[in-house]
Amino acid sequence: WENDERIVLLVQLEPNQQLDGTLVNAIRSQLRSQCSPRHVPALVHAIS
């Protein structure tokens, strides 16, 4: 991506769980606080 690399994260959700803004923010916050800002994915998608 644009002469660099960005992280794409694909997640499998628990039944009846939706990938909404709250869950995406929780993912990004967890990675930022426990790892580093570099670990935060640019894209998050749900797959089966």
All heavy atoms as atom14 arrays in JSON, in Angstrom:
{
  "sequence": "WENDERIVLLVQLEPNQQLDGTLVNAIRSQLRSQCSPRHVPALVHAIS",
  "atom14_mask": [
    [1, 1, 1, 1, 1, 1, 1, 1, 1, 1, 1, 1, 1, 1],
    [1, 1, 1, 1, 1, 1, 1, 1, 1, 0, 0, 0, 0, 0],
    [1, 1, 1, 1, 1, 1, 1, 1, 0, 0, 0, 0, 0, 0],
    [1, 1, 1, 1, 1, 1, 1, 1, 0, 0, 0, 0, 0, 0],
    [1, 1, 1, 1, 1, 1, 1, 1, 1, 0, 0, 0, 0, 0],
    [1, 1, 1, 1, 1, 1, 1, 1, 1, 1, 1, 0, 0, 0],
    [1, 1, 1, 1, 1, 1, 1, 1, 0, 0, 0, 0, 0, 0],
    [1, 1, 1, 1, 1, 1, 1, 0, 0, 0, 0, 0, 0, 0],
    [1, 1, 1, 1, 1, 1, 1, 1, 0, 0, 0, 0, 0, 0],
    [1, 1, 1, 1, 1, 1, 1, 1, 0, 0, 0, 0, 0, 0],
    [1, 1, 1, 1, 1, 1, 1, 0, 0, 0, 0, 0, 0, 0],
    [1, 1, 1, 1, 1, 1, 1, 1, 1, 0, 0, 0, 0, 0],
    [1, 1, 1, 1, 1, 1, 1, 1, 0, 0, 0, 0, 0, 0],
    [1, 1, 1, 1, 1, 1, 1, 1, 1, 0, 0, 0, 0, 0],
    [1, 1, 1, 1, 1, 1, 1, 0, 0, 0, 0, 0, 0, 0],
    [1, 1, 1, 1, 1, 1, 1, 1, 0, 0, 0, 0, 0, 0],
    [1, 1, 1, 1, 1, 1, 1, 1, 1, 0, 0, 0, 0, 0],
    [1, 1, 1, 1, 1, 1, 1, 1, 1, 0, 0, 0, 0, 0],
    [1, 1, 1, 1, 1, 1, 1, 1, 0, 0, 0, 0, 0, 0],
    [1, 1, 1, 1, 1, 1, 1, 1, 0, 0, 0, 0, 0, 0],
    [1, 1, 1, 1, 0, 0, 0, 0, 0, 0, 0, 0, 0, 0],
    [1, 1, 1, 1, 1, 1, 1, 0, 0, 0, 0, 0, 0, 0],
    [1, 1, 1, 1, 1, 1, 1, 1, 0, 0, 0, 0, 0, 0],
    [1, 1, 1, 1, 1, 1, 1, 0, 0, 0, 0, 0, 0, 0],
    [1, 1, 1, 1, 1, 1, 1, 1, 0, 0, 0, 0, 0, 0],
    [1, 1, 1, 1, 1, 0, 0, 0, 0, 0, 0, 0, 0, 0],
    [1, 1, 1, 1, 1, 1, 1, 1, 0, 0, 0, 0, 0, 0],
    [1, 1, 1, 1, 1, 1, 1, 1, 1, 1, 1, 0, 0, 0],
    [1, 1, 1, 1, 1, 1, 0, 0, 0, 0, 0, 0, 0, 0],
    [1, 1, 1, 1, 1, 1, 1, 1, 1, 0, 0, 0, 0, 0],
    [1, 1, 1, 1, 1, 1, 1, 1, 0, 0, 0, 0, 0, 0],
    [1, 1, 1, 1, 1, 1, 1, 1, 1, 1, 1, 0, 0, 0],
    [1, 1, 1, 1, 1, 1, 0, 0, 0, 0, 0, 0, 0, 0],
    [1, 1, 1, 1, 1, 1, 1, 1, 1, 0, 0, 0, 0, 0],
    [1, 1, 1, 1, 1, 1, 0, 0, 0, 0, 0, 0, 0, 0],
    [1, 1, 1, 1, 1, 1, 0, 0, 0, 0, 0, 0, 0, 0],
    [1, 1, 1, 1, 1, 1, 1, 0, 0, 0, 0, 0, 0, 0],
    [1, 1, 1, 1, 1, 1, 1, 1, 1, 1, 1, 0, 0, 0],
    [1, 1, 1, 1, 1, 1, 1, 1, 1, 1, 0, 0, 0, 0],
    [1, 1, 1, 1, 1, 1, 1, 0, 0, 0, 0, 0, 0, 0],
    [1, 1, 1, 1, 1, 1, 1, 0, 0, 0, 0, 0, 0, 0],
    [1, 1, 1, 1, 1, 0, 0, 0, 0, 0, 0, 0, 0, 0],
    [1, 1, 1, 1, 1, 1, 1, 1, 0, 0, 0, 0, 0, 0],
    [1, 1, 1, 1, 1, 1, 1, 0, 0, 0, 0, 0, 0, 0],
    [1, 1, 1, 1, 1, 1, 1, 1, 1, 1, 0, 0, 0, 0],
    [1, 1, 1, 1, 1, 0, 0, 0, 0, 0, 0, 0, 0, 0],
    [1, 1, 1, 1, 1, 1, 1, 1, 0, 0, 0, 0, 0, 0],
    [1, 1, 1, 1, 1, 1, 0, 0, 0, 0, 0, 0, 0, 0]
  ],
  "atom14_positions": [
    [[0.84, -1.2, 0.0], [0.0, 0.0, 0.0], [0.88, 1.26, 0.0], [1.63, 1.5, 0.94], [-0.9, 0.02, 1.24], [-1.98, 1.05, 1.2], [-1.99, 2.25, 1.86], [-3.18, 0.99, 0.43], [-3.14, 2.93, 1.57], [-3.9, 2.19, 0.69], [-3.73, 0.06, -0.43], [-5.12, 2.46, 0.11], [-4.95, 0.32, -1.02], [-5.64, 1.51, -0.75]],
    [[0.81, 2.03, -1.08], [1.49, 3.32, -1.18], [2.97, 3.21, -0.8], [3.46, 3.9, 0.1], [0.79, 4.38, -0.32], [-0.64, 4.66, -0.77], [-1.33, 5.69, 0.09], [-0.75, 6.07, 1.14], [-2.45, 6.11, -0.27], [0.0, 0.0, 0.0], [0.0, 0.0, 0.0], [0.0, 0.0, 0.0], [0.0, 0.0, 0.0], [0.0, 0.0, 0.0]],
    [[3.69, 2.33, -1.5], [5.14, 2.12, -1.28], [5.47, 1.66, 0.12], [6.61, 1.83, 0.58], [5.91, 3.41, -1.61], [5.75, 3.83, -3.05], [5.78, 3.0, -3.96], [5.54, 5.13, -3.26], [0.0, 0.0, 0.0], [0.0, 0.0, 0.0], [0.0, 0.0, 0.0], [0.0, 0.0, 0.0], [0.0, 0.0, 0.0], [0.0, 0.0, 0.0]],
    [[4.51, 1.1, 0.81], [4.74, 0.58, 2.17], [3.88, -0.68, 2.31], [3.47, -1.3, 1.33], [4.36, 1.64, 3.2], [4.92, 1.34, 4.6], [5.57, 0.29, 4.77], [4.67, 2.14, 5.51], [0.0, 0.0, 0.0], [0.0, 0.0, 0.0], [0.0, 0.0, 0.0], [0.0, 0.0, 0.0], [0.0, 0.0, 0.0], [0.0, 0.0, 0.0]],
    [[3.62, -1.06, 3.53], [2.76, -2.2, 3.81], [1.81, -1.82, 4.93], [2.2, -1.16, 5.9], [3.62, -3.41, 4.23], [2.82, -4.66, 4.52], [3.72, -5.85, 4.87], [4.07, -6.0, 6.05], [4.06, -6.61, 3.95], [0.0, 0.0, 0.0], [0.0, 0.0, 0.0], [0.0, 0.0, 0.0], [0.0, 0.0, 0.0], [0.0, 0.0, 0.0]],
    [[0.56, -2.22, 4.79], [-0.39, -2.0, 5.86], [-0.94, -3.35, 6.32], [-0.96, -4.33, 5.58], [-1.53, -1.09, 5.41], [-2.43, -1.66, 4.31], [-3.54, -0.69, 3.98], [-4.47, -1.24, 2.98], [-5.54, -0.59, 2.53], [-5.83, 0.61, 2.99], [-6.34, -1.16, 1.63], [0.0, 0.0, 0.0], [0.0, 0.0, 0.0], [0.0, 0.0, 0.0]],
    [[-1.39, -3.4, 7.57], [-1.87, -4.64, 8.16], [-3.36, -4.79, 7.91], [-4.15, -3.88, 8.18], [-1.58, -4.68, 9.67], [-0.07, -4.63, 9.92], [-2.18, -5.93, 10.3], [0.3, -4.52, 11.39], [0.0, 0.0, 0.0], [0.0, 0.0, 0.0], [0.0, 0.0, 0.0], [0.0, 0.0, 0.0], [0.0, 0.0, 0.0], [0.0, 0.0, 0.0]],
    [[-3.72, -5.96, 7.4], [-5.11, -6.33, 7.22], [-5.43, -7.43, 8.22], [-4.74, -8.46, 8.28], [-5.38, -6.84, 5.79], [-6.81, -7.34, 5.66], [-5.1, -5.73, 4.78], [0.0, 0.0, 0.0], [0.0, 0.0, 0.0], [0.0, 0.0, 0.0], [0.0, 0.0, 0.0], [0.0, 0.0, 0.0], [0.0, 0.0, 0.0], [0.0, 0.0, 0.0]],
    [[-6.45, -7.22, 9.02], [-6.86, -8.18, 10.03], [-8.23, -8.76, 9.67], [-9.18, -8.0, 9.43], [-6.92, -7.53, 11.42], [-7.38, -8.43, 12.57], [-6.34, -9.51, 12.86], [-7.64, -7.6, 13.83], [0.0, 0.0, 0.0], [0.0, 0.0, 0.0], [0.0, 0.0, 0.0], [0.0, 0.0, 0.0], [0.0, 0.0, 0.0], [0.0, 0.0, 0.0]],
    [[-8.31, -10.08, 9.63], [-9.57, -10.78, 9.37], [-9.94, -11.54, 10.63], [-9.11, -12.27, 11.19], [-9.42, -11.73, 8.19], [-8.91, -11.09, 6.89], [-8.6, -12.15, 5.86], [-9.9, -10.07, 6.35], [0.0, 0.0, 0.0], [0.0, 0.0, 0.0], [0.0, 0.0, 0.0], [0.0, 0.0, 0.0], [0.0, 0.0, 0.0], [0.0, 0.0, 0.0]],
    [[-11.19, -11.4, 11.08], [-11.6, -12.01, 12.34], [-12.82, -12.91, 12.14], [-13.69, -12.63, 11.31], [-11.92, -10.94, 13.41], [-10.67, -10.18, 13.79], [-13.02, -9.99, 12.95], [0.0, 0.0, 0.0], [0.0, 0.0, 0.0], [0.0, 0.0, 0.0], [0.0, 0.0, 0.0], [0.0, 0.0, 0.0], [0.0, 0.0, 0.0], [0.0, 0.0, 0.0]],
    [[-12.81, -14.01, 12.88], [-13.99, -14.88, 12.95], [-14.71, -14.55, 14.25], [-14.12, -14.61, 15.33], [-13.58, -16.35, 12.93], [-14.75, -17.32, 13.05], [-14.28, -18.76, 13.2], [-13.09, -19.04, 13.24], [-15.23, -19.68, 13.3], [0.0, 0.0, 0.0], [0.0, 0.0, 0.0], [0.0, 0.0, 0.0], [0.0, 0.0, 0.0], [0.0, 0.0, 0.0]],
    [[-15.98, -14.21, 14.15], [-16.73, -13.75, 15.32], [-17.53, -14.87, 15.95], [-17.86, -15.88, 15.31], [-17.69, -12.63, 14.9], [-17.05, -11.4, 14.24], [-18.12, -10.42, 13.79], [-16.06, -10.73, 15.18], [0.0, 0.0, 0.0], [0.0, 0.0, 0.0], [0.0, 0.0, 0.0], [0.0, 0.0, 0.0], [0.0, 0.0, 0.0], [0.0, 0.0, 0.0]],
    [[-17.83, -14.7, 17.21], [-18.71, -15.64, 17.9], [-20.13, -15.52, 17.32], [-20.48, -14.48, 16.74], [-18.72, -15.34, 19.4], [-17.39, -15.62, 20.07], [-17.42, -15.3, 21.56], [-18.45, -14.79, 22.04], [-16.41, -15.56, 22.24], [0.0, 0.0, 0.0], [0.0, 0.0, 0.0], [0.0, 0.0, 0.0], [0.0, 0.0, 0.0], [0.0, 0.0, 0.0]],
    [[-20.94, -16.57, 17.44], [-22.32, -16.51, 16.9], [-23.07, -15.29, 17.43], [-22.95, -14.93, 18.61], [-22.93, -17.82, 17.42], [-21.77, -18.75, 17.59], [-20.63, -17.89, 18.04], [0.0, 0.0, 0.0], [0.0, 0.0, 0.0], [0.0, 0.0, 0.0], [0.0, 0.0, 0.0], [0.0, 0.0, 0.0], [0.0, 0.0, 0.0], [0.0, 0.0, 0.0]],
    [[-23.81, -14.66, 16.54], [-24.65, -13.49, 16.86], [-23.85, -12.23, 17.19], [-24.42, -11.22, 17.63], [-25.62, -13.8, 18.01], [-26.51, -14.99, 17.7], [-27.01, -15.12, 16.59], [-26.68, -15.87, 18.68], [0.0, 0.0, 0.0], [0.0, 0.0, 0.0], [0.0, 0.0, 0.0], [0.0, 0.0, 0.0], [0.0, 0.0, 0.0], [0.0, 0.0, 0.0]],
    [[-22.54, -12.28, 16.99], [-21.71, -11.1, 17.23], [-21.56, -10.31, 15.92], [-21.39, -10.9, 14.86], [-20.33, -11.52, 17.74], [-19.35, -10.37, 17.93], [-19.72, -9.48, 19.1], [-19.93, -9.96, 20.2], [-19.8, -8.17, 18.85], [0.0, 0.0, 0.0], [0.0, 0.0, 0.0], [0.0, 0.0, 0.0], [0.0, 0.0, 0.0], [0.0, 0.0, 0.0]],
    [[-21.61, -8.99, 15.98], [-21.44, -8.14, 14.81], [-20.12, -7.38, 14.9], [-19.69, -6.99, 15.99], [-22.61, -7.14, 14.71], [-23.97, -7.79, 14.55], [-24.12, -8.51, 13.23], [-23.66, -8.03, 12.19], [-24.74, -9.69, 13.26], [0.0, 0.0, 0.0], [0.0, 0.0, 0.0], [0.0, 0.0, 0.0], [0.0, 0.0, 0.0], [0.0, 0.0, 0.0]],
    [[-19.48, -7.19, 13.74], [-18.26, -6.38, 13.71], [-18.68, -4.92, 13.54], [-18.77, -4.4, 12.42], [-17.35, -6.82, 12.56], [-16.0, -6.09, 12.5], [-15.15, -6.42, 13.72], [-15.25, -6.44, 11.22], [0.0, 0.0, 0.0], [0.0, 0.0, 0.0], [0.0, 0.0, 0.0], [0.0, 0.0, 0.0], [0.0, 0.0, 0.0], [0.0, 0.0, 0.0]],
    [[-18.96, -4.29, 14.64], [-19.37, -2.89, 14.6], [-18.2, -2.0, 15.03], [-17.1, -2.46, 15.33], [-20.59, -2.66, 15.49], [-20.36, -3.13, 16.93], [-19.19, -3.3, 17.34], [-21.36, -3.33, 17.65], [0.0, 0.0, 0.0], [0.0, 0.0, 0.0], [0.0, 0.0, 0.0], [0.0, 0.0, 0.0], [0.0, 0.0, 0.0], [0.0, 0.0, 0.0]],
    [[-18.46, -0.71, 15.04], [-17.42, 0.24, 15.39], [-16.85, 0.03, 16.78], [-15.66, 0.23, 17.02], [0.0, 0.0, 0.0], [0.0, 0.0, 0.0], [0.0, 0.0, 0.0], [0.0, 0.0, 0.0], [0.0, 0.0, 0.0], [0.0, 0.0, 0.0], [0.0, 0.0, 0.0], [0.0, 0.0, 0.0], [0.0, 0.0, 0.0], [0.0, 0.0, 0.0]],
    [[-17.7, -0.39, 17.71], [-17.25, -0.62, 19.09], [-16.21, -1.74, 19.14], [-15.17, -1.61, 19.82], [-18.45, -0.96, 19.99], [-19.39, 0.12, 19.96], [-17.99, -1.21, 21.42], [0.0, 0.0, 0.0], [0.0, 0.0, 0.0], [0.0, 0.0, 0.0], [0.0, 0.0, 0.0], [0.0, 0.0, 0.0], [0.0, 0.0, 0.0], [0.0, 0.0, 0.0]],
    [[-16.49, -2.85, 18.42], [-15.56, -3.98, 18.44], [-14.27, -3.63, 17.71], [-13.17, -3.99, 18.17], [-16.21, -5.21, 17.83], [-15.39, -6.51, 17.88], [-14.97, -6.84, 19.3], [-16.19, -7.67, 17.29], [0.0, 0.0, 0.0], [0.0, 0.0, 0.0], [0.0, 0.0, 0.0], [0.0, 0.0, 0.0], [0.0, 0.0, 0.0], [0.0, 0.0, 0.0]],
    [[-14.37, -2.93, 16.58], [-13.16, -2.53, 15.85], [-12.3, -1.62, 16.72], [-11.08, -1.76, 16.78], [-13.53, -1.83, 14.52], [-12.29, -1.2, 13.88], [-14.17, -2.82, 13.56], [0.0, 0.0, 0.0], [0.0, 0.0, 0.0], [0.0, 0.0, 0.0], [0.0, 0.0, 0.0], [0.0, 0.0, 0.0], [0.0, 0.0, 0.0], [0.0, 0.0, 0.0]],
    [[-12.91, -0.7, 17.41], [-12.16, 0.2, 18.3], [-11.51, -0.57, 19.45], [-10.39, -0.26, 19.87], [-13.07, 1.29, 18.86], [-13.44, 2.32, 17.8], [-12.73, 2.49, 16.82], [-14.56, 3.0, 17.99], [0.0, 0.0, 0.0], [0.0, 0.0, 0.0], [0.0, 0.0, 0.0], [0.0, 0.0, 0.0], [0.0, 0.0, 0.0], [0.0, 0.0, 0.0]],
    [[-12.22, -1.61, 19.93], [-11.65, -2.43, 21.01], [-10.41, -3.17, 20.51], [-9.4, -3.28, 21.24], [-12.69, -3.42, 21.51], [0.0, 0.0, 0.0], [0.0, 0.0, 0.0], [0.0, 0.0, 0.0], [0.0, 0.0, 0.0], [0.0, 0.0, 0.0], [0.0, 0.0, 0.0], [0.0, 0.0, 0.0], [0.0, 0.0, 0.0], [0.0, 0.0, 0.0]],
    [[-10.48, -3.67, 19.28], [-9.32, -4.36, 18.69], [-8.14, -3.41, 18.58], [-7.01, -3.72, 18.99], [-9.7, -4.93, 17.31], [-10.71, -6.06, 17.44], [-8.45, -5.4, 16.56], [-11.33, -6.5, 16.12], [0.0, 0.0, 0.0], [0.0, 0.0, 0.0], [0.0, 0.0, 0.0], [0.0, 0.0, 0.0], [0.0, 0.0, 0.0], [0.0, 0.0, 0.0]],
    [[-8.39, -2.26, 18.01], [-7.3, -1.3, 17.79], [-6.73, -0.78, 19.11], [-5.51, -0.62, 19.25], [-7.8, -0.15, 16.92], [-8.02, -0.59, 15.47], [-8.62, 0.48, 14.59], [-8.54, 0.09, 13.18], [-9.32, 0.55, 12.23], [-10.27, 1.43, 12.52], [-9.17, 0.15, 10.98], [0.0, 0.0, 0.0], [0.0, 0.0, 0.0], [0.0, 0.0, 0.0]],
    [[-7.59, -0.55, 20.07], [-7.13, -0.07, 21.38], [-6.28, -1.13, 22.08], [-5.24, -0.81, 22.68], [-8.34, 0.29, 22.24], [-7.94, 0.65, 23.54], [0.0, 0.0, 0.0], [0.0, 0.0, 0.0], [0.0, 0.0, 0.0], [0.0, 0.0, 0.0], [0.0, 0.0, 0.0], [0.0, 0.0, 0.0], [0.0, 0.0, 0.0], [0.0, 0.0, 0.0]],
    [[-6.71, -2.39, 22.0], [-5.96, -3.47, 22.63], [-4.56, -3.59, 22.03], [-3.57, -3.72, 22.75], [-6.72, -4.8, 22.44], [-6.03, -6.02, 23.01], [-6.2, -6.15, 24.5], [-6.91, -5.36, 25.13], [-5.55, -7.14, 25.09], [0.0, 0.0, 0.0], [0.0, 0.0, 0.0], [0.0, 0.0, 0.0], [0.0, 0.0, 0.0], [0.0, 0.0, 0.0]],
    [[-4.46, -3.54, 20.72], [-3.16, -3.67, 20.06], [-2.28, -2.45, 20.31], [-1.06, -2.58, 20.49], [-3.36, -3.89, 18.56], [-3.93, -5.26, 18.17], [-4.34, -5.29, 16.71], [-2.91, -6.36, 18.45], [0.0, 0.0, 0.0], [0.0, 0.0, 0.0], [0.0, 0.0, 0.0], [0.0, 0.0, 0.0], [0.0, 0.0, 0.0], [0.0, 0.0, 0.0]],
    [[-2.89, -1.28, 20.33], [-2.1, -0.06, 20.56], [-1.53, -0.05, 21.98], [-0.35, 0.28, 22.18], [-2.97, 1.18, 20.33], [-2.2, 2.5, 20.47], [-3.08, 3.7, 20.18], [-3.44, 3.78, 18.76], [-4.62, 3.49, 18.26], [-5.61, 3.09, 19.06], [-4.87, 3.58, 16.97], [0.0, 0.0, 0.0], [0.0, 0.0, 0.0], [0.0, 0.0, 0.0]],
    [[-2.34, -0.44, 22.94], [-1.9, -0.35, 24.34], [-0.99, -1.52, 24.74], [-0.05, -1.33, 25.51], [-3.11, -0.3, 25.28], [-3.87, -1.5, 25.18], [0.0, 0.0, 0.0], [0.0, 0.0, 0.0], [0.0, 0.0, 0.0], [0.0, 0.0, 0.0], [0.0, 0.0, 0.0], [0.0, 0.0, 0.0], [0.0, 0.0, 0.0], [0.0, 0.0, 0.0]],
    [[-1.26, -2.71, 24.22], [-0.5, -3.88, 24.63], [0.71, -4.17, 23.74], [1.62, -4.88, 24.15], [-1.42, -5.12, 24.65], [-2.56, -5.03, 25.64], [-2.07, -4.83, 27.06], [-1.16, -5.53, 27.53], [-2.67, -3.86, 27.77], [0.0, 0.0, 0.0], [0.0, 0.0, 0.0], [0.0, 0.0, 0.0], [0.0, 0.0, 0.0], [0.0, 0.0, 0.0]],
    [[0.69, -3.62, 22.52], [1.82, -3.85, 21.6], [2.43, -2.51, 21.2], [3.34, -2.03, 21.87], [1.34, -4.63, 20.37], [0.73, -6.29, 20.75], [0.0, 0.0, 0.0], [0.0, 0.0, 0.0], [0.0, 0.0, 0.0], [0.0, 0.0, 0.0], [0.0, 0.0, 0.0], [0.0, 0.0, 0.0], [0.0, 0.0, 0.0], [0.0, 0.0, 0.0]],
    [[1.91, -1.91, 20.14], [2.4, -0.59, 19.72], [1.46, -0.06, 18.65], [0.67, -0.81, 18.07], [3.82, -0.7, 19.14], [3.77, -1.19, 17.81], [0.0, 0.0, 0.0], [0.0, 0.0, 0.0], [0.0, 0.0, 0.0], [0.0, 0.0, 0.0], [0.0, 0.0, 0.0], [0.0, 0.0, 0.0], [0.0, 0.0, 0.0], [0.0, 0.0, 0.0]],
    [[1.54, 1.23, 18.33], [0.71, 1.76, 17.24], [0.97, 1.07, 15.91], [0.08, 1.02, 15.05], [1.11, 3.25, 17.19], [1.56, 3.55, 18.59], [2.25, 2.3, 19.06], [0.0, 0.0, 0.0], [0.0, 0.0, 0.0], [0.0, 0.0, 0.0], [0.0, 0.0, 0.0], [0.0, 0.0, 0.0], [0.0, 0.0, 0.0], [0.0, 0.0, 0.0]],
    [[2.18, 0.54, 15.71], [2.51, -0.16, 14.46], [1.71, -1.45, 14.31], [1.53, -1.94, 13.2], [4.0, -0.48, 14.41], [4.89, 0.72, 14.25], [4.8, 1.29, 12.85], [5.75, 2.38, 12.64], [5.8, 3.12, 11.55], [4.94, 2.9, 10.57], [6.69, 4.09, 11.42], [0.0, 0.0, 0.0], [0.0, 0.0, 0.0], [0.0, 0.0, 0.0]],
    [[1.25, -2.02, 15.4], [0.49, -3.27, 15.36], [-0.98, -3.07, 14.98], [-1.68, -4.03, 14.7], [0.54, -3.98, 16.73], [1.88, -4.54, 17.07], [2.96, -3.76, 17.43], [2.31, -5.83, 17.14], [3.99, -4.53, 17.7], [3.63, -5.79, 17.53], [0.0, 0.0, 0.0], [0.0, 0.0, 0.0], [0.0, 0.0, 0.0], [0.0, 0.0, 0.0]],
    [[-1.43, -1.84, 14.96], [-2.85, -1.56, 14.72], [-3.18, -1.77, 13.25], [-2.52, -1.19, 12.37], [-3.2, -0.13, 15.14], [-4.66, 0.19, 14.82], [-2.93, 0.06, 16.64], [0.0, 0.0, 0.0], [0.0, 0.0, 0.0], [0.0, 0.0, 0.0], [0.0, 0.0, 0.0], [0.0, 0.0, 0.0], [0.0, 0.0, 0.0], [0.0, 0.0, 0.0]],
    [[-4.18, -2.59, 12.94], [-4.5, -2.85, 11.52], [-5.15, -1.65, 10.85], [-5.91, -0.92, 11.47], [-5.46, -4.03, 11.6], [-6.1, -3.92, 12.95], [-5.03, -3.36, 13.85], [0.0, 0.0, 0.0], [0.0, 0.0, 0.0], [0.0, 0.0, 0.0], [0.0, 0.0, 0.0], [0.0, 0.0, 0.0], [0.0, 0.0, 0.0], [0.0, 0.0, 0.0]],
    [[-4.84, -1.51, 9.56], [-5.49, -0.47, 8.77], [-6.91, -0.88, 8.4], [-7.8, -0.03, 8.31], [-4.67, -0.19, 7.51], [0.0, 0.0, 0.0], [0.0, 0.0, 0.0], [0.0, 0.0, 0.0], [0.0, 0.0, 0.0], [0.0, 0.0, 0.0], [0.0, 0.0, 0.0], [0.0, 0.0, 0.0], [0.0, 0.0, 0.0], [0.0, 0.0, 0.0]],
    [[-7.1, -2.19, 8.18], [-8.4, -2.71, 7.81], [-8.76, -3.88, 8.72], [-7.89, -4.71, 9.04], [-8.41, -3.19, 6.36], [-8.14, -2.16, 5.26], [-8.08, -2.86, 3.91], [-9.2, -1.07, 5.26], [0.0, 0.0, 0.0], [0.0, 0.0, 0.0], [0.0, 0.0, 0.0], [0.0, 0.0, 0.0], [0.0, 0.0, 0.0], [0.0, 0.0, 0.0]],
    [[-10.03, -3.96, 9.11], [-10.53, -5.1, 9.88], [-11.8, -5.59, 9.19], [-12.74, -4.8, 8.95], [-10.86, -4.72, 11.34], [-11.33, -5.96, 12.1], [-9.64, -4.1, 12.02], [0.0, 0.0, 0.0], [0.0, 0.0, 0.0], [0.0, 0.0, 0.0], [0.0, 0.0, 0.0], [0.0, 0.0, 0.0], [0.0, 0.0, 0.0], [0.0, 0.0, 0.0]],
    [[-11.84, -6.87, 8.84], [-13.02, -7.46, 8.21], [-13.41, -8.72, 8.96], [-12.56, -9.44, 9.5], [-12.74, -7.84, 6.74], [-12.55, -6.67, 5.83], [-13.58, -5.81, 5.51], [-11.46, -6.22, 5.17], [-13.13, -4.88, 4.68], [-11.84, -5.11, 4.45], [0.0, 0.0, 0.0], [0.0, 0.0, 0.0], [0.0, 0.0, 0.0], [0.0, 0.0, 0.0]],
    [[-14.69, -9.01, 8.96], [-15.2, -10.25, 9.54], [-15.37, -11.28, 8.43], [-15.85, -10.96, 7.34], [-16.53, -10.02, 10.24], [0.0, 0.0, 0.0], [0.0, 0.0, 0.0], [0.0, 0.0, 0.0], [0.0, 0.0, 0.0], [0.0, 0.0, 0.0], [0.0, 0.0, 0.0], [0.0, 0.0, 0.0], [0.0, 0.0, 0.0], [0.0, 0.0, 0.0]],
    [[-14.96, -12.53, 8.71], [-15.15, -13.64, 7.77], [-15.75, -14.81, 8.55], [-15.69, -14.87, 9.78], [-13.85, -14.05, 7.07], [-12.74, -14.34, 8.09], [-13.41, -12.98, 6.08], [-11.43, -14.8, 7.45], [0.0, 0.0, 0.0], [0.0, 0.0, 0.0], [0.0, 0.0, 0.0], [0.0, 0.0, 0.0], [0.0, 0.0, 0.0], [0.0, 0.0, 0.0]],
    [[-16.31, -15.77, 7.81], [-17.05, -16.86, 8.45], [-16.16, -17.87, 9.16], [-16.58, -18.55, 10.09], [-17.92, -17.59, 7.42], [-17.1, -18.17, 6.41], [0.0, 0.0, 0.0], [0.0, 0.0, 0.0], [0.0, 0.0, 0.0], [0.0, 0.0, 0.0], [0.0, 0.0, 0.0], [0.0, 0.0, 0.0], [0.0, 0.0, 0.0], [0.0, 0.0, 0.0]]
  ]
}
